[in-house]
Structure formats: structure tokens, C-alpha cells
Amino acid sequence: MAGLHYTAVHVRDLLGLTRTELQRWLSALPPFNQAQTKARTARRFTITDLAFFSIVAILHQRLGISLSSITAFSALLHEQLDMRAALANTSIRIYLNQSDEGSWDISTEVQGPLSVALDLEPVWHAVYQFIGVAVPAQRELALGLVSLPPPTTQEHNHGRMVR
């Protein structure tokens, strides 16, 4: 999966963005605003980039955080995204922390007077679903202790019946 690349059309389709909106994001958000581009050559994005833009959409469109505020931590956010952690059965959570001055920062722990927990698992699931990659079935298995109802008199006398 690491070798798969996507274009701006894929990013726009995933997020429902217009060309102008995506171009504004690309020109404002590090690390994309620092990338060298060639004329008449489409930018190529990775699966991690798709997840990054999905998170930016959540922060900007749903939470109303300005794009200029997101630029302060977008490079660090991009670095912290790891699709291998999403495929493993680990809790993927990062925190958007607001400082006393009102600026936002990203971290793996709660800091400052206001913190917003971002659960990345649904983001990765949406990206995987968009590109047609199934999440490994092992994640869905309920491995561990399971509580069963007490046996009825008939089941107790004859053993548990399997249906």
C-alpha cells in the first residue's frame, strides 16, 4: 500500500472539495506548501496524505478552526500520521491543544487549558473504504472474555446446545 499514489481529484472526491478550496489548502498547509511542483504535472498524494486532508477537513469545516491556525501544526500532524498504527489494533488518538494565547498545537498528550481528542481510527477507516482497501478481519474479532447468559434448566441438564 505504501507505493500507491493518488491525485488531487481523489482528494477532492474524498472530501467534497472544489478545486479552489484544495488549491488554497495546498498553498497554505505545510508540508504541501513547501513541495516543489512541476508545470503540467499532477501532484501525487499517498494514503497518509488522504488521511491528513480528512483531518484538516474535520478541523476546518466541522470545528471551524481557521486554516491559518491549522498551518501552525499541520507539518507535525502530517508527521504523526501512521497508517501502520491504524492497521494494528492500537488506539490512535492525538490531541489538539489550545494554549493560553489561543493558538493551537498537536500532541500525543493533553496539554493547556483546552484539548480536543481526535480519534483517528474512523478517519483511517473512511480513507480505506474510499480507496477500496478492507481493514483486516482480525480487528473485528471479539477476542477476550465474553459474558454468557446463565444456562436454562434444560441446557444445564443436557449441556449447552449449539444452534
C-alpha atoms as a PDB file:
ATOM      1  CA  MET A   1       0.000   0.000   0.000  1.00  0.00           C
ATOM      2  CA  ALA A   2       2.894   2.356   0.559  1.00  0.00           C
ATOM      3  CA  GLY A   3       3.519   2.564  -3.173  1.00  0.00           C
ATOM      4  CA  LEU A   4       0.007   3.682  -4.116  1.00  0.00           C
ATOM      5  CA  HIS A   5      -0.370   7.286  -5.183  1.00  0.00           C
ATOM      6  CA  TYR A   6      -3.421   9.451  -5.692  1.00  0.00           C
ATOM      7  CA  THR A   7      -4.112  12.761  -7.413  1.00  0.00           C
ATOM      8  CA  ALA A   8      -5.892  15.943  -6.404  1.00  0.00           C
ATOM      9  CA  VAL A   9      -9.059  14.525  -7.972  1.00  0.00           C
ATOM     10  CA  HIS A  10      -9.014  11.726  -5.390  1.00  0.00           C
ATOM     11  CA  VAL A  11      -8.555  14.184  -2.523  1.00  0.00           C
ATOM     12  CA  ARG A  12     -11.421  16.348  -3.806  1.00  0.00           C
ATOM     13  CA  ASP A  13     -13.681  13.309  -4.260  1.00  0.00           C
ATOM     14  CA  LEU A  14     -12.908  12.028  -0.759  1.00  0.00           C
ATOM     15  CA  LEU A  15     -13.650  15.357   0.920  1.00  0.00           C
ATOM     16  CA  GLY A  16     -16.108  17.003  -1.456  1.00  0.00           C
ATOM     17  CA  LEU A  17     -13.801  19.978  -2.014  1.00  0.00           C
ATOM     18  CA  THR A  18     -13.722  22.279  -5.009  1.00  0.00           C
ATOM     19  CA  ARG A  19     -10.525  22.833  -6.975  1.00  0.00           C
ATOM     20  CA  THR A  20     -10.180  26.289  -5.465  1.00  0.00           C
ATOM     21  CA  GLU A  21     -10.571  25.029  -1.903  1.00  0.00           C
ATOM     22  CA  LEU A  22      -7.987  22.279  -2.360  1.00  0.00           C
ATOM     23  CA  GLN A  23      -5.573  24.665  -4.062  1.00  0.00           C
ATOM     24  CA  ARG A  24      -5.940  27.083  -1.135  1.00  0.00           C
ATOM     25  CA  TRP A  25      -5.204  24.241   1.313  1.00  0.00           C
ATOM     26  CA  LEU A  26      -2.158  23.120  -0.684  1.00  0.00           C
ATOM     27  CA  SER A  27      -0.734  26.630  -0.834  1.00  0.00           C
ATOM     28  CA  ALA A  28      -1.305  27.270   2.903  1.00  0.00           C
ATOM     29  CA  LEU A  29      -0.582  23.987   4.706  1.00  0.00           C
ATOM     30  CA  PRO A  30       2.920  22.720   5.432  1.00  0.00           C
ATOM     31  CA  PRO A  31       4.419  20.385   4.232  1.00  0.00           C
ATOM     32  CA  PHE A  32       2.497  20.757   0.952  1.00  0.00           C
ATOM     33  CA  ASN A  33       3.131  24.478   0.546  1.00  0.00           C
ATOM     34  CA  GLN A  34       6.877  23.769   0.557  1.00  0.00           C
ATOM     35  CA  ALA A  35       6.807  20.952  -2.006  1.00  0.00           C
ATOM     36  CA  GLN A  36       8.359  21.612  -5.402  1.00  0.00           C
ATOM     37  CA  THR A  37       5.826  21.324  -8.206  1.00  0.00           C
ATOM     38  CA  LYS A  38       6.323  20.991 -11.937  1.00  0.00           C
ATOM     39  CA  ALA A  39       4.185  22.648 -14.565  1.00  0.00           C
ATOM     40  CA  ARG A  40       1.708  20.299 -16.232  1.00  0.00           C
ATOM     41  CA  THR A  41       2.493  17.529 -13.777  1.00  0.00           C
ATOM     42  CA  ALA A  42      -0.187  16.386 -11.371  1.00  0.00           C
ATOM     43  CA  ARG A  43       0.694  16.287  -7.704  1.00  0.00           C
ATOM     44  CA  ARG A  44       0.789  12.813  -6.248  1.00  0.00           C
ATOM     45  CA  PHE A  45      -0.541  12.027  -2.803  1.00  0.00           C
ATOM     46  CA  THR A  46      -0.174   8.990  -0.544  1.00  0.00           C
ATOM     47  CA  ILE A  47      -2.711   7.263   1.672  1.00  0.00           C
ATOM     48  CA  THR A  48      -1.277   9.213   4.607  1.00  0.00           C
ATOM     49  CA  ASP A  49      -1.928  12.445   2.715  1.00  0.00           C
ATOM     50  CA  LEU A  50      -5.565  11.430   2.227  1.00  0.00           C
ATOM     51  CA  ALA A  51      -5.906  10.880   5.983  1.00  0.00           C
ATOM     52  CA  PHE A  52      -4.171  14.213   6.657  1.00  0.00           C
ATOM     53  CA  PHE A  53      -6.595  16.137   4.453  1.00  0.00           C
ATOM     54  CA  SER A  54      -9.519  14.291   6.056  1.00  0.00           C
ATOM     55  CA  ILE A  55      -8.388  15.503   9.478  1.00  0.00           C
ATOM     56  CA  VAL A  56      -7.907  19.040   8.172  1.00  0.00           C
ATOM     57  CA  ALA A  57     -11.464  18.904   6.826  1.00  0.00           C
ATOM     58  CA  ILE A  58     -12.758  17.873  10.255  1.00  0.00           C
ATOM     59  CA  LEU A  59     -10.845  20.648  11.984  1.00  0.00           C
ATOM     60  CA  HIS A  60     -11.637  23.353   9.454  1.00  0.00           C
ATOM     61  CA  GLN A  61     -15.149  22.507   8.298  1.00  0.00           C
ATOM     62  CA  ARG A  62     -16.688  20.850  11.358  1.00  0.00           C
ATOM     63  CA  LEU A  63     -14.878  22.567  14.232  1.00  0.00           C
ATOM     64  CA  GLY A  64     -14.419  25.917  12.475  1.00  0.00           C
ATOM     65  CA  ILE A  65     -10.692  26.228  13.149  1.00  0.00           C
ATOM     66  CA  SER A  66      -9.193  28.666  10.672  1.00  0.00           C
ATOM     67  CA  LEU A  67      -6.782  27.441   8.043  1.00  0.00           C
ATOM     68  CA  SER A  68      -4.155  29.876   9.331  1.00  0.00           C
ATOM     69  CA  SER A  69      -4.397  28.274  12.791  1.00  0.00           C
ATOM     70  CA  ILE A  70      -4.061  24.800  11.301  1.00  0.00           C
ATOM     71  CA  THR A  71      -0.903  25.816   9.422  1.00  0.00           C
ATOM     72  CA  ALA A  72       0.880  26.231  12.771  1.00  0.00           C
ATOM     73  CA  PHE A  73       0.732  22.474  13.460  1.00  0.00           C
ATOM     74  CA  SER A  74      -0.060  20.851  10.106  1.00  0.00           C
ATOM     75  CA  ALA A  75       3.512  19.681   9.434  1.00  0.00           C
ATOM     76  CA  LEU A  76       3.640  17.952  12.835  1.00  0.00           C
ATOM     77  CA  LEU A  77       0.175  16.462  12.261  1.00  0.00           C
ATOM     78  CA  HIS A  78       1.336  15.037   8.932  1.00  0.00           C
ATOM     79  CA  GLU A  79       4.416  13.505  10.597  1.00  0.00           C
ATOM     80  CA  GLN A  80       2.351  11.862  13.355  1.00  0.00           C
ATOM     81  CA  LEU A  81       0.003  10.063  10.983  1.00  0.00           C
ATOM     82  CA  ASP A  82       0.963   6.444  10.597  1.00  0.00           C
ATOM     83  CA  MET A  83      -1.205   4.015   8.672  1.00  0.00           C
ATOM     84  CA  ARG A  84       0.559   1.015  10.236  1.00  0.00           C
ATOM     85  CA  ALA A  85      -0.846   2.010  13.624  1.00  0.00           C
ATOM     86  CA  ALA A  86      -4.285   2.183  12.036  1.00  0.00           C
ATOM     87  CA  LEU A  87      -3.941  -1.367  10.711  1.00  0.00           C
ATOM     88  CA  ALA A  88      -2.730  -2.660  14.076  1.00  0.00           C
ATOM     89  CA  ASN A  89      -5.290  -2.913  16.814  1.00  0.00           C
ATOM     90  CA  THR A  90      -3.989   0.102  18.712  1.00  0.00           C
ATOM     91  CA  SER A  91      -5.903   3.132  19.864  1.00  0.00           C
ATOM     92  CA  ILE A  92      -4.999   6.003  17.618  1.00  0.00           C
ATOM     93  CA  ARG A  93      -5.628   9.293  19.324  1.00  0.00           C
ATOM     94  CA  ILE A  94      -3.961  12.650  19.092  1.00  0.00           C
ATOM     95  CA  TYR A  95      -4.860  15.842  20.922  1.00  0.00           C
ATOM     96  CA  LEU A  96      -5.422  19.309  19.586  1.00  0.00           C
ATOM     97  CA  ASN A  97      -4.382  21.598  22.436  1.00  0.00           C
ATOM     98  CA  GLN A  98      -5.113  25.298  22.732  1.00  0.00           C
ATOM     99  CA  SER A  99      -2.563  27.459  24.515  1.00  0.00           C
ATOM    100  CA  ASP A 100      -3.367  30.348  26.854  1.00  0.00           C
ATOM    101  CA  GLU A 101      -2.762  32.716  23.927  1.00  0.00           C
ATOM    102  CA  GLY A 102      -5.396  30.941  21.823  1.00  0.00           C
ATOM    103  CA  SER A 103      -3.090  29.226  19.334  1.00  0.00           C
ATOM    104  CA  TRP A 104      -3.492  25.517  18.590  1.00  0.00           C
ATOM    105  CA  ASP A 105      -0.895  22.750  18.680  1.00  0.00           C
ATOM    106  CA  ILE A 106      -0.980  18.999  18.136  1.00  0.00           C
ATOM    107  CA  SER A 107       0.367  16.433  20.601  1.00  0.00           C
ATOM    108  CA  THR A 108       0.024  12.833  21.733  1.00  0.00           C
ATOM    109  CA  GLU A 109      -0.979  14.024  25.214  1.00  0.00           C
ATOM    110  CA  VAL A 110      -3.310  16.576  26.776  1.00  0.00           C
ATOM    111  CA  GLN A 111      -1.752  19.996  27.383  1.00  0.00           C
ATOM    112  CA  GLY A 112      -3.046  23.504  28.060  1.00  0.00           C
ATOM    113  CA  PRO A 113      -6.453  24.802  29.152  1.00  0.00           C
ATOM    114  CA  LEU A 114      -8.426  23.250  26.280  1.00  0.00           C
ATOM    115  CA  SER A 115      -7.793  19.965  24.499  1.00  0.00           C
ATOM    116  CA  VAL A 116      -9.765  18.193  21.803  1.00  0.00           C
ATOM    117  CA  ALA A 117      -9.180  14.456  21.395  1.00  0.00           C
ATOM    118  CA  LEU A 118      -9.072  13.312  17.775  1.00  0.00           C
ATOM    119  CA  ASP A 119      -9.792   9.631  17.271  1.00  0.00           C
ATOM    120  CA  LEU A 120      -8.022   8.738  14.048  1.00  0.00           C
ATOM    121  CA  GLU A 121      -9.488   5.269  13.634  1.00  0.00           C
ATOM    122  CA  PRO A 122     -12.686   6.485  11.880  1.00  0.00           C
ATOM    123  CA  VAL A 123     -10.571   8.694   9.622  1.00  0.00           C
ATOM    124  CA  TRP A 124      -8.415   5.753   8.539  1.00  0.00           C
ATOM    125  CA  HIS A 125     -11.497   3.560   8.049  1.00  0.00           C
ATOM    126  CA  ALA A 126     -13.050   6.208   5.781  1.00  0.00           C
ATOM    127  CA  VAL A 127      -9.840   6.509   3.768  1.00  0.00           C
ATOM    128  CA  TYR A 128      -9.502   2.721   3.443  1.00  0.00           C
ATOM    129  CA  GLN A 129     -13.128   2.447   2.373  1.00  0.00           C
ATOM    130  CA  PHE A 130     -12.642   5.232  -0.193  1.00  0.00           C
ATOM    131  CA  ILE A 131      -9.643   3.553  -1.819  1.00  0.00           C
ATOM    132  CA  GLY A 132     -11.194   0.086  -1.613  1.00  0.00           C
ATOM    133  CA  VAL A 133      -8.869  -1.479   0.944  1.00  0.00           C
ATOM    134  CA  ALA A 134     -10.527  -3.702   3.531  1.00  0.00           C
ATOM    135  CA  VAL A 135      -9.420  -3.396   7.134  1.00  0.00           C
ATOM    136  CA  PRO A 136      -8.002  -6.747   8.262  1.00  0.00           C
ATOM    137  CA  ALA A 137     -10.688  -9.030   9.670  1.00  0.00           C
ATOM    138  CA  GLN A 138      -8.660  -9.691  12.829  1.00  0.00           C
ATOM    139  CA  ARG A 139      -9.534  -6.200  14.042  1.00  0.00           C
ATOM    140  CA  GLU A 140     -13.219  -7.153  14.032  1.00  0.00           C
ATOM    141  CA  LEU A 141     -12.848 -10.314  16.116  1.00  0.00           C
ATOM    142  CA  ALA A 142     -14.056 -10.140  19.708  1.00  0.00           C
ATOM    143  CA  LEU A 143     -11.084 -11.806  21.299  1.00  0.00           C
ATOM    144  CA  GLY A 144     -11.259 -11.860  25.064  1.00  0.00           C
ATOM    145  CA  LEU A 145     -13.695 -12.728  27.786  1.00  0.00           C
ATOM    146  CA  VAL A 146     -17.332 -12.901  26.824  1.00  0.00           C
ATOM    147  CA  SER A 147     -20.251 -12.905  29.230  1.00  0.00           C
ATOM    148  CA  LEU A 148     -22.870 -15.574  28.518  1.00  0.00           C
ATOM    149  CA  PRO A 149     -26.353 -15.712  29.981  1.00  0.00           C
ATOM    150  CA  PRO A 150     -26.882 -18.313  32.704  1.00  0.00           C
ATOM    151  CA  PRO A 151     -27.941 -21.704  31.322  1.00  0.00           C
ATOM    152  CA  THR A 152     -31.605 -22.664  31.409  1.00  0.00           C
ATOM    153  CA  THR A 153     -32.647 -25.784  33.313  1.00  0.00           C
ATOM    154  CA  GLN A 154     -32.806 -27.827  30.117  1.00  0.00           C
ATOM    155  CA  GLU A 155     -29.360 -26.636  28.958  1.00  0.00           C
ATOM    156  CA  HIS A 156     -27.920 -27.241  32.428  1.00  0.00           C
ATOM    157  CA  ASN A 157     -29.185 -30.842  32.452  1.00  0.00           C
ATOM    158  CA  HIS A 158     -28.143 -31.675  28.888  1.00  0.00           C
ATOM    159  CA  GLY A 159     -25.188 -29.416  28.380  1.00  0.00           C
ATOM    160  CA  ARG A 160     -25.259 -26.295  26.298  1.00  0.00           C
ATOM    161  CA  MET A 161     -26.988 -26.732  22.942  1.00  0.00           C
ATOM    162  CA  VAL A 162     -25.285 -25.276  19.908  1.00  0.00           C
ATOM    163  CA  ARG A 163     -27.624 -23.754  17.357  1.00  0.00           C
END
